[in-house]
Structures are given as structure tokens and as C-alpha cells.
Amino acid sequence: MNDKVKVTFSDVSVTVTVPKGTRIIDISEKVGSYIAYNCREGECGSCMFHVIEGYDNLSKMGVLEKSTLLNAFHEIIDGWRRVDDPAELVERIQRENIGGKKCRLACQTKVEGDVTVAPF
């Protein structure tokens, strides 16, 4: 039984081996990833990250994480609604596109298997 997993941070091209159950935020700090954070409690949503590979190798999403992510997505969409210039709207949607991305909160997510992640 292997109690270690590999986590790759694509933004800094670093792969590390860590114990299962380690939080993404703790690993990202040590490797210098650009995953931002603030509260470390799952309430602010600033530590949102994108799962490139291995989404099923992460801990299950809890109620707090689901709620915080939903609020973050609503803020993004509300920001799009306030734009009057179509060209600016297209640029914002392309820059902040969340479609097709599997997002989680680094302070709430634990690794259970090999994953590749990136800042949101």
C-alpha cells in the first residue's frame, strides 16, 4: 500500500511526492506555486485552483467548499453582466473563462492520488 502521491504544479513545473491527505495549499506554499490564498478556512475563495489531471484523486468536496465556489462563480458572472462594451466582455470572458475547468479550493482539498494542478 502506497501512502505517497505525486502532485504537479504546472505553473512552476514542479512535481513533488507527498503523503496522502496533504492539503493542496500546504504543498503549494512549499513549492512556490502561484495559487493565491487569504483566509485558509474556505470562506474567501481566493485559493481557487484548476485541476488539470486527476480530479477524482482529490478529497470529496464539502458543503463549505461548494458554497464558496458557487459564490465565486456568481461574482465572476455578475462582473460580466456589468460590462457595456461587447469587445471588453469578450476579452473578460476569454481571460476568466471557467467553462470546462474543474476548480477546487486549495485550503479545503486534500490529495488522495496523483494530480496536476494550476492557479485559477
N, C-alpha and C. Protein backbone atom coordinates (compact mmCIF):
# COMPACT_ATOMS: atom_id res chain seq x y z
N MET A 1 0.84 -1.18 0.00
CA MET A 1 0.00 0.00 0.00
C MET A 1 0.89 1.25 0.00
N ASN A 2 0.66 2.13 -0.99
CA ASN A 2 1.47 3.33 -1.11
C ASN A 2 0.75 4.50 -0.46
N ASP A 3 1.39 5.11 0.53
CA ASP A 3 0.80 6.25 1.22
C ASP A 3 1.31 7.58 0.69
N LYS A 4 2.00 7.54 -0.44
CA LYS A 4 2.54 8.75 -1.06
C LYS A 4 1.90 8.97 -2.42
N VAL A 5 1.75 10.23 -2.80
CA VAL A 5 1.18 10.59 -4.10
C VAL A 5 2.02 11.69 -4.71
N LYS A 6 1.90 11.84 -6.04
CA LYS A 6 2.62 12.89 -6.75
C LYS A 6 1.68 14.03 -7.09
N VAL A 7 2.14 15.24 -6.81
CA VAL A 7 1.38 16.44 -7.13
C VAL A 7 2.25 17.31 -8.03
N THR A 8 1.72 17.65 -9.21
CA THR A 8 2.44 18.50 -10.15
C THR A 8 1.77 19.87 -10.20
N PHE A 9 2.58 20.91 -10.05
CA PHE A 9 2.12 22.28 -10.17
C PHE A 9 2.61 22.79 -11.51
N SER A 10 1.69 22.91 -12.46
CA SER A 10 2.09 23.24 -13.83
C SER A 10 2.62 24.66 -13.96
N ASP A 11 2.22 25.57 -13.09
CA ASP A 11 2.68 26.95 -13.20
C ASP A 11 4.16 27.11 -12.89
N VAL A 12 4.72 26.24 -12.06
CA VAL A 12 6.14 26.32 -11.71
C VAL A 12 6.91 25.08 -12.18
N SER A 13 6.23 24.20 -12.91
CA SER A 13 6.84 22.97 -13.45
C SER A 13 7.56 22.17 -12.37
N VAL A 14 6.84 21.93 -11.27
CA VAL A 14 7.40 21.18 -10.15
C VAL A 14 6.47 20.02 -9.82
N THR A 15 7.07 18.84 -9.61
CA THR A 15 6.34 17.67 -9.14
C THR A 15 6.95 17.24 -7.82
N VAL A 16 6.11 17.03 -6.82
CA VAL A 16 6.58 16.60 -5.51
C VAL A 16 5.81 15.36 -5.08
N THR A 17 6.42 14.58 -4.22
CA THR A 17 5.78 13.41 -3.64
C THR A 17 5.44 13.75 -2.19
N VAL A 18 4.18 13.57 -1.84
CA VAL A 18 3.69 13.94 -0.51
C VAL A 18 2.83 12.82 0.06
N PRO A 19 2.61 12.83 1.38
CA PRO A 19 1.71 11.85 1.96
C PRO A 19 0.27 12.08 1.52
N LYS A 20 -0.47 11.00 1.31
CA LYS A 20 -1.91 11.13 1.04
C LYS A 20 -2.54 11.94 2.17
N GLY A 21 -3.53 12.74 1.81
CA GLY A 21 -4.23 13.53 2.81
C GLY A 21 -3.66 14.92 3.02
N THR A 22 -2.57 15.26 2.32
CA THR A 22 -1.98 16.59 2.45
C THR A 22 -2.82 17.60 1.69
N ARG A 23 -3.03 18.77 2.28
CA ARG A 23 -3.82 19.81 1.61
C ARG A 23 -3.00 20.47 0.49
N ILE A 24 -3.67 20.79 -0.58
CA ILE A 24 -3.03 21.45 -1.73
C ILE A 24 -2.37 22.76 -1.30
N ILE A 25 -3.00 23.54 -0.45
CA ILE A 25 -2.46 24.83 -0.04
C ILE A 25 -1.12 24.67 0.65
N ASP A 26 -0.98 23.64 1.46
CA ASP A 26 0.28 23.41 2.18
C ASP A 26 1.41 23.05 1.22
N ILE A 27 1.08 22.27 0.20
CA ILE A 27 2.09 21.88 -0.78
C ILE A 27 2.46 23.08 -1.65
N SER A 28 1.45 23.83 -2.08
CA SER A 28 1.71 24.95 -2.99
C SER A 28 2.61 25.99 -2.35
N GLU A 29 2.45 26.23 -1.08
CA GLU A 29 3.33 27.18 -0.37
C GLU A 29 4.79 26.73 -0.42
N LYS A 30 5.00 25.46 -0.21
CA LYS A 30 6.37 24.93 -0.16
C LYS A 30 7.07 24.93 -1.51
N VAL A 31 6.32 24.76 -2.60
CA VAL A 31 6.94 24.69 -3.92
C VAL A 31 6.95 26.03 -4.65
N GLY A 32 6.30 27.04 -4.08
CA GLY A 32 6.28 28.36 -4.70
C GLY A 32 5.28 28.52 -5.82
N SER A 33 4.21 27.72 -5.79
CA SER A 33 3.15 27.86 -6.79
C SER A 33 2.45 29.20 -6.59
N TYR A 34 1.82 29.67 -7.64
CA TYR A 34 1.13 30.95 -7.59
C TYR A 34 -0.34 30.82 -7.23
N ILE A 35 -0.71 29.74 -6.55
CA ILE A 35 -2.08 29.62 -6.04
C ILE A 35 -2.20 30.60 -4.88
N ALA A 36 -3.06 31.59 -5.06
CA ALA A 36 -3.24 32.63 -4.05
C ALA A 36 -4.06 32.09 -2.89
N TYR A 37 -3.95 32.73 -1.75
CA TYR A 37 -4.80 32.37 -0.62
C TYR A 37 -4.90 33.55 0.33
N ASN A 38 -5.90 33.47 1.19
CA ASN A 38 -6.09 34.54 2.16
C ASN A 38 -6.49 33.95 3.51
N CYS A 39 -7.71 33.45 3.61
CA CYS A 39 -8.23 33.05 4.92
C CYS A 39 -7.80 31.65 5.37
N ARG A 40 -7.51 30.77 4.45
CA ARG A 40 -7.14 29.37 4.74
C ARG A 40 -8.27 28.58 5.42
N GLU A 41 -9.48 29.12 5.39
CA GLU A 41 -10.62 28.49 6.07
C GLU A 41 -11.73 28.07 5.11
N GLY A 42 -11.59 28.39 3.82
CA GLY A 42 -12.61 28.00 2.85
C GLY A 42 -13.73 29.00 2.67
N GLU A 43 -13.58 30.18 3.26
CA GLU A 43 -14.66 31.16 3.20
C GLU A 43 -14.45 32.24 2.14
N CYS A 44 -13.20 32.59 1.82
CA CYS A 44 -12.98 33.72 0.92
C CYS A 44 -12.93 33.32 -0.56
N GLY A 45 -12.52 32.10 -0.85
CA GLY A 45 -12.48 31.63 -2.23
C GLY A 45 -11.24 32.05 -3.01
N SER A 46 -10.31 32.76 -2.37
CA SER A 46 -9.14 33.25 -3.11
C SER A 46 -8.17 32.14 -3.50
N CYS A 47 -8.26 30.98 -2.89
CA CYS A 47 -7.33 29.89 -3.20
C CYS A 47 -7.88 28.92 -4.25
N MET A 48 -8.82 29.40 -5.05
CA MET A 48 -9.37 28.55 -6.11
C MET A 48 -8.25 28.15 -7.07
N PHE A 49 -8.23 26.88 -7.44
CA PHE A 49 -7.25 26.40 -8.40
C PHE A 49 -7.91 25.50 -9.41
N HIS A 50 -7.22 25.25 -10.49
CA HIS A 50 -7.72 24.45 -11.61
C HIS A 50 -7.06 23.07 -11.56
N VAL A 51 -7.86 22.03 -11.62
CA VAL A 51 -7.35 20.66 -11.65
C VAL A 51 -7.20 20.26 -13.11
N ILE A 52 -5.98 20.06 -13.55
CA ILE A 52 -5.70 19.70 -14.94
C ILE A 52 -5.88 18.20 -15.16
N GLU A 53 -5.33 17.42 -14.25
CA GLU A 53 -5.45 15.95 -14.32
C GLU A 53 -5.62 15.40 -12.91
N GLY A 54 -6.41 14.34 -12.79
CA GLY A 54 -6.54 13.64 -11.52
C GLY A 54 -7.63 14.16 -10.61
N TYR A 55 -8.65 14.78 -11.16
CA TYR A 55 -9.72 15.35 -10.33
C TYR A 55 -10.30 14.31 -9.36
N ASP A 56 -10.45 13.09 -9.81
CA ASP A 56 -11.01 12.04 -8.95
C ASP A 56 -10.05 11.59 -7.86
N ASN A 57 -8.82 12.08 -7.90
CA ASN A 57 -7.82 11.73 -6.88
C ASN A 57 -7.74 12.75 -5.76
N LEU A 58 -8.80 13.55 -5.63
CA LEU A 58 -8.86 14.56 -4.58
C LEU A 58 -9.98 14.22 -3.61
N SER A 59 -9.88 14.77 -2.41
CA SER A 59 -10.92 14.54 -1.41
C SER A 59 -12.26 15.05 -1.92
N LYS A 60 -13.33 14.51 -1.36
CA LYS A 60 -14.68 14.95 -1.76
C LYS A 60 -14.90 16.38 -1.32
N MET A 61 -15.69 17.09 -2.11
CA MET A 61 -15.99 18.48 -1.83
C MET A 61 -17.03 18.57 -0.72
N GLY A 62 -16.73 19.36 0.29
CA GLY A 62 -17.65 19.55 1.40
C GLY A 62 -18.64 20.68 1.13
N VAL A 63 -19.59 20.86 2.03
CA VAL A 63 -20.63 21.87 1.89
C VAL A 63 -20.04 23.27 1.82
N LEU A 64 -19.09 23.59 2.69
CA LEU A 64 -18.48 24.92 2.70
C LEU A 64 -17.77 25.21 1.38
N GLU A 65 -17.01 24.25 0.88
CA GLU A 65 -16.30 24.46 -0.38
C GLU A 65 -17.28 24.66 -1.53
N LYS A 66 -18.32 23.86 -1.59
CA LYS A 66 -19.33 24.01 -2.65
C LYS A 66 -19.95 25.40 -2.61
N SER A 67 -20.31 25.86 -1.44
CA SER A 67 -20.94 27.17 -1.28
C SER A 67 -19.99 28.29 -1.69
N THR A 68 -18.75 28.21 -1.26
CA THR A 68 -17.76 29.25 -1.56
C THR A 68 -17.47 29.30 -3.06
N LEU A 69 -17.33 28.14 -3.70
CA LEU A 69 -17.11 28.12 -5.15
C LEU A 69 -18.30 28.69 -5.90
N LEU A 70 -19.50 28.33 -5.49
CA LEU A 70 -20.70 28.86 -6.13
C LEU A 70 -20.74 30.38 -6.04
N ASN A 71 -20.43 30.92 -4.86
CA ASN A 71 -20.40 32.37 -4.70
C ASN A 71 -19.34 33.01 -5.58
N ALA A 72 -18.17 32.39 -5.68
CA ALA A 72 -17.10 32.92 -6.53
C ALA A 72 -17.52 32.94 -7.99
N PHE A 73 -18.16 31.89 -8.45
CA PHE A 73 -18.62 31.85 -9.84
C PHE A 73 -19.70 32.91 -10.09
N HIS A 74 -20.59 33.12 -9.12
CA HIS A 74 -21.61 34.15 -9.26
C HIS A 74 -20.98 35.53 -9.38
N GLU A 75 -19.92 35.80 -8.61
CA GLU A 75 -19.22 37.09 -8.69
C GLU A 75 -18.62 37.30 -10.07
N ILE A 76 -18.03 36.26 -10.62
CA ILE A 76 -17.45 36.36 -11.96
C ILE A 76 -18.52 36.68 -12.99
N ILE A 77 -19.61 35.93 -12.94
CA ILE A 77 -20.69 36.13 -13.91
C ILE A 77 -21.33 37.50 -13.74
N ASP A 78 -21.53 37.94 -12.49
CA ASP A 78 -22.09 39.27 -12.26
C ASP A 78 -21.17 40.36 -12.83
N GLY A 79 -19.87 40.16 -12.72
CA GLY A 79 -18.92 41.11 -13.31
C GLY A 79 -19.07 41.18 -14.82
N TRP A 80 -19.32 40.05 -15.46
CA TRP A 80 -19.53 40.04 -16.91
C TRP A 80 -20.78 40.83 -17.27
N ARG A 81 -21.82 40.72 -16.45
CA ARG A 81 -23.10 41.39 -16.74
C ARG A 81 -22.99 42.91 -16.70
N ARG A 82 -22.02 43.43 -15.93
CA ARG A 82 -21.88 44.87 -15.77
C ARG A 82 -21.10 45.53 -16.90
N VAL A 83 -20.58 44.78 -17.83
CA VAL A 83 -19.76 45.34 -18.91
C VAL A 83 -20.68 45.81 -20.05
N ASP A 84 -20.48 47.05 -20.48
CA ASP A 84 -21.30 47.63 -21.55
C ASP A 84 -20.69 47.44 -22.93
N ASP A 85 -19.37 47.34 -23.00
CA ASP A 85 -18.68 47.24 -24.28
C ASP A 85 -18.53 45.77 -24.68
N PRO A 86 -19.10 45.36 -25.82
CA PRO A 86 -19.02 43.95 -26.24
C PRO A 86 -17.58 43.44 -26.38
N ALA A 87 -16.67 44.27 -26.86
CA ALA A 87 -15.28 43.83 -27.00
C ALA A 87 -14.65 43.55 -25.64
N GLU A 88 -14.94 44.40 -24.66
CA GLU A 88 -14.42 44.18 -23.31
C GLU A 88 -15.03 42.92 -22.70
N LEU A 89 -16.32 42.69 -22.95
CA LEU A 89 -16.98 41.50 -22.44
C LEU A 89 -16.32 40.24 -22.99
N VAL A 90 -16.06 40.21 -24.30
CA VAL A 90 -15.41 39.05 -24.91
C VAL A 90 -14.03 38.84 -24.29
N GLU A 91 -13.27 39.93 -24.10
CA GLU A 91 -11.93 39.83 -23.52
C GLU A 91 -12.00 39.28 -22.09
N ARG A 92 -12.95 39.75 -21.28
CA ARG A 92 -13.09 39.26 -19.91
C ARG A 92 -13.49 37.79 -19.88
N ILE A 93 -14.44 37.43 -20.71
CA ILE A 93 -14.89 36.03 -20.74
C ILE A 93 -13.74 35.11 -21.13
N GLN A 94 -12.93 35.52 -22.10
CA GLN A 94 -11.80 34.69 -22.51
C GLN A 94 -10.75 34.62 -21.40
N ARG A 95 -10.48 35.73 -20.73
CA ARG A 95 -9.47 35.77 -19.68
C ARG A 95 -9.91 34.97 -18.46
N GLU A 96 -11.17 35.07 -18.08
CA GLU A 96 -11.66 34.44 -16.86
C GLU A 96 -12.49 33.19 -17.13
N ASN A 97 -12.37 32.64 -18.31
CA ASN A 97 -13.24 31.53 -18.70
C ASN A 97 -13.16 30.38 -17.71
N ILE A 98 -14.30 30.03 -17.14
CA ILE A 98 -14.35 28.92 -16.20
C ILE A 98 -14.98 27.69 -16.83
N GLY A 99 -15.47 27.83 -18.04
CA GLY A 99 -16.09 26.70 -18.72
C GLY A 99 -15.10 25.57 -18.94
N GLY A 100 -15.47 24.38 -18.55
CA GLY A 100 -14.63 23.21 -18.78
C GLY A 100 -13.53 23.03 -17.74
N LYS A 101 -13.37 23.98 -16.85
CA LYS A 101 -12.33 23.86 -15.82
C LYS A 101 -12.91 23.19 -14.59
N LYS A 102 -12.12 22.35 -14.00
CA LYS A 102 -12.53 21.72 -12.75
C LYS A 102 -11.80 22.47 -11.63
N CYS A 103 -12.56 23.23 -10.87
CA CYS A 103 -11.97 24.10 -9.86
C CYS A 103 -12.25 23.57 -8.46
N ARG A 104 -11.29 23.82 -7.58
CA ARG A 104 -11.42 23.47 -6.17
C ARG A 104 -10.77 24.56 -5.35
N LEU A 105 -10.92 24.48 -4.02
CA LEU A 105 -10.26 25.39 -3.11
C LEU A 105 -9.06 24.67 -2.50
N ALA A 106 -7.89 25.28 -2.61
CA ALA A 106 -6.65 24.64 -2.14
C ALA A 106 -6.63 24.42 -0.64
N CYS A 107 -7.32 25.28 0.11
CA CYS A 107 -7.31 25.12 1.57
C CYS A 107 -8.22 24.00 2.04
N GLN A 108 -9.13 23.56 1.19
CA GLN A 108 -10.09 22.53 1.56
C GLN A 108 -9.80 21.18 0.91
N THR A 109 -8.93 21.16 -0.09
CA THR A 109 -8.74 19.97 -0.90
C THR A 109 -7.50 19.19 -0.47
N LYS A 110 -7.71 17.90 -0.23
CA LYS A 110 -6.60 17.00 0.13
C LYS A 110 -6.35 16.05 -1.04
N VAL A 111 -5.08 15.69 -1.20
CA VAL A 111 -4.72 14.77 -2.29
C VAL A 111 -4.86 13.33 -1.82
N GLU A 112 -5.45 12.50 -2.68
CA GLU A 112 -5.62 11.08 -2.40
C GLU A 112 -4.92 10.23 -3.46
N GLY A 113 -4.47 10.87 -4.54
CA GLY A 113 -3.78 10.20 -5.63
C GLY A 113 -3.06 11.25 -6.46
N ASP A 114 -2.40 10.83 -7.53
CA ASP A 114 -1.62 11.74 -8.35
C ASP A 114 -2.51 12.78 -9.04
N VAL A 115 -2.06 14.04 -9.02
CA VAL A 115 -2.81 15.14 -9.63
C VAL A 115 -1.85 16.14 -10.27
N THR A 116 -2.41 16.90 -11.23
CA THR A 116 -1.73 18.05 -11.80
C THR A 116 -2.66 19.23 -11.64
N VAL A 117 -2.12 20.32 -11.07
CA VAL A 117 -2.94 21.49 -10.77
C VAL A 117 -2.27 22.76 -11.27
N ALA A 118 -3.07 23.84 -11.32
CA ALA A 118 -2.57 25.15 -11.73
C ALA A 118 -3.39 26.22 -11.02
N PRO A 119 -2.83 27.42 -10.83
CA PRO A 119 -3.64 28.51 -10.30
C PRO A 119 -4.81 28.80 -11.20
N PHE A 120 -5.87 29.33 -10.66
CA PHE A 120 -7.04 29.68 -11.46
C PHE A 120 -6.78 30.96 -12.20
